[in-house]
Amino acid sequence: MGLIDYKHKYAFFGDRRRTLRTLLPAIAVFTVWDVAGIVLNIFSDGDGKYRSGLEFGPHFPVEEILFLTLLTYTALILWLSFTNRHKGISHV
């Protein structure tokens, strides 16, 4: 996603401040969603050999924030690439 963004200047490489103002609230909402799911025993962390073992809290691994960031960044890049709201985007 970063390479696509770099090439086309869709989000972070086009306007960092706008991108952060878009991504941070979305990541915050998903983080609250995850915490609520953990508190209600809907979500658990499970086992995995590729986990860092670092956690923000019980059942809330650091990797979850990385995943939420990737998820929202990917959604933003896709949305911007399929709309003409950004200068320089060619129509597909």
Protein backbone atom coordinates (compact mmCIF):
# COMPACT_ATOMS: atom_id res chain seq x y z
CA MET A 1 0.00 0.00 0.00
CA GLY A 2 2.82 2.34 0.83
CA LEU A 3 4.40 1.88 -2.59
CA ILE A 4 1.09 2.52 -4.35
CA ASP A 5 0.57 5.61 -2.21
CA TYR A 6 4.12 6.79 -2.92
CA LYS A 7 3.70 6.37 -6.67
CA HIS A 8 0.30 8.07 -6.95
CA LYS A 9 0.46 10.39 -3.91
CA TYR A 10 -3.04 9.30 -2.85
CA ALA A 11 -2.82 9.72 0.90
CA PHE A 12 0.20 9.89 3.19
CA PHE A 13 2.67 10.86 0.47
CA GLY A 14 0.25 13.42 -0.94
CA ASP A 15 -1.05 15.12 2.20
CA ARG A 16 0.22 13.74 5.53
CA ARG A 17 -1.94 15.92 7.75
CA ARG A 18 -5.18 15.05 5.96
CA THR A 19 -4.28 11.37 5.99
CA LEU A 20 -3.56 11.38 9.72
CA ARG A 21 -6.80 13.31 10.41
CA THR A 22 -8.60 10.55 8.52
CA LEU A 23 -6.81 7.48 9.82
CA LEU A 24 -6.39 8.27 13.52
CA PRO A 25 -10.11 8.61 14.34
CA ALA A 26 -10.89 5.43 12.38
CA ILE A 27 -8.16 3.52 14.22
CA ALA A 28 -9.49 4.89 17.51
CA VAL A 29 -13.03 3.68 16.73
CA PHE A 30 -11.79 0.20 15.83
CA THR A 31 -9.61 0.14 18.97
CA VAL A 32 -12.62 0.98 21.15
CA TRP A 33 -14.56 -1.73 19.29
CA ASP A 34 -11.80 -4.26 20.04
CA VAL A 35 -11.58 -3.27 23.71
CA ALA A 36 -15.37 -3.60 24.04
CA GLY A 37 -15.20 -7.03 22.43
CA ILE A 38 -12.44 -8.08 24.83
CA VAL A 39 -14.33 -6.80 27.89
CA LEU A 40 -17.49 -8.63 26.77
CA ASN A 41 -15.47 -11.83 26.13
CA ILE A 42 -16.35 -11.78 22.43
CA PHE A 43 -12.71 -11.44 21.32
CA SER A 44 -9.66 -13.29 22.60
CA ASP A 45 -6.07 -13.28 21.47
CA GLY A 46 -5.56 -16.97 20.67
CA ASP A 47 -2.20 -18.57 20.11
CA GLY A 48 0.20 -17.90 17.28
CA LYS A 49 3.86 -18.57 16.74
CA TYR A 50 4.39 -15.26 14.89
CA ARG A 51 3.21 -13.00 17.69
CA SER A 52 5.57 -10.61 19.43
CA GLY A 53 4.13 -11.30 22.87
CA LEU A 54 3.79 -7.56 23.54
CA GLU A 55 0.35 -6.48 24.65
CA PHE A 56 -1.35 -3.16 25.42
CA GLY A 57 -3.59 -5.05 27.80
CA PRO A 58 -4.99 -8.52 28.34
CA HIS A 59 -5.89 -10.08 24.98
CA PHE A 60 -4.91 -6.90 23.10
CA PRO A 61 -1.62 -7.50 21.26
CA VAL A 62 0.46 -4.73 19.69
CA GLU A 63 -0.06 -6.41 16.33
CA GLU A 64 -3.76 -5.50 16.52
CA ILE A 65 -2.95 -1.79 16.24
CA LEU A 66 -0.68 -2.53 13.28
CA PHE A 67 -3.50 -4.51 11.65
CA LEU A 68 -6.03 -1.73 12.27
CA THR A 69 -3.62 0.79 10.76
CA LEU A 70 -3.11 -1.38 7.68
CA LEU A 71 -6.86 -1.97 7.37
CA THR A 72 -7.78 1.71 7.48
CA TYR A 73 -4.85 2.80 5.29
CA THR A 74 -5.77 0.20 2.66
CA ALA A 75 -9.41 1.29 2.72
CA LEU A 76 -8.36 4.93 2.30
CA ILE A 77 -6.03 4.15 -0.62
CA LEU A 78 -8.75 2.11 -2.34
CA TRP A 79 -11.38 4.79 -1.80
CA LEU A 80 -9.12 7.54 -3.10
CA SER A 81 -8.04 5.47 -6.09
CA PHE A 82 -11.66 4.90 -7.18
CA THR A 83 -12.90 8.44 -6.70
CA ASN A 84 -11.97 11.62 -8.43
CA ARG A 85 -11.67 13.53 -5.17
CA HIS A 86 -7.92 13.59 -5.42
CA LYS A 87 -6.08 15.49 -8.12
CA GLY A 88 -4.15 13.40 -10.57
CA ILE A 89 -6.24 10.26 -10.23
CA SER A 90 -7.01 8.73 -13.57
CA HIS A 91 -10.39 7.11 -14.03
CA VAL A 92 -10.40 3.33 -14.08
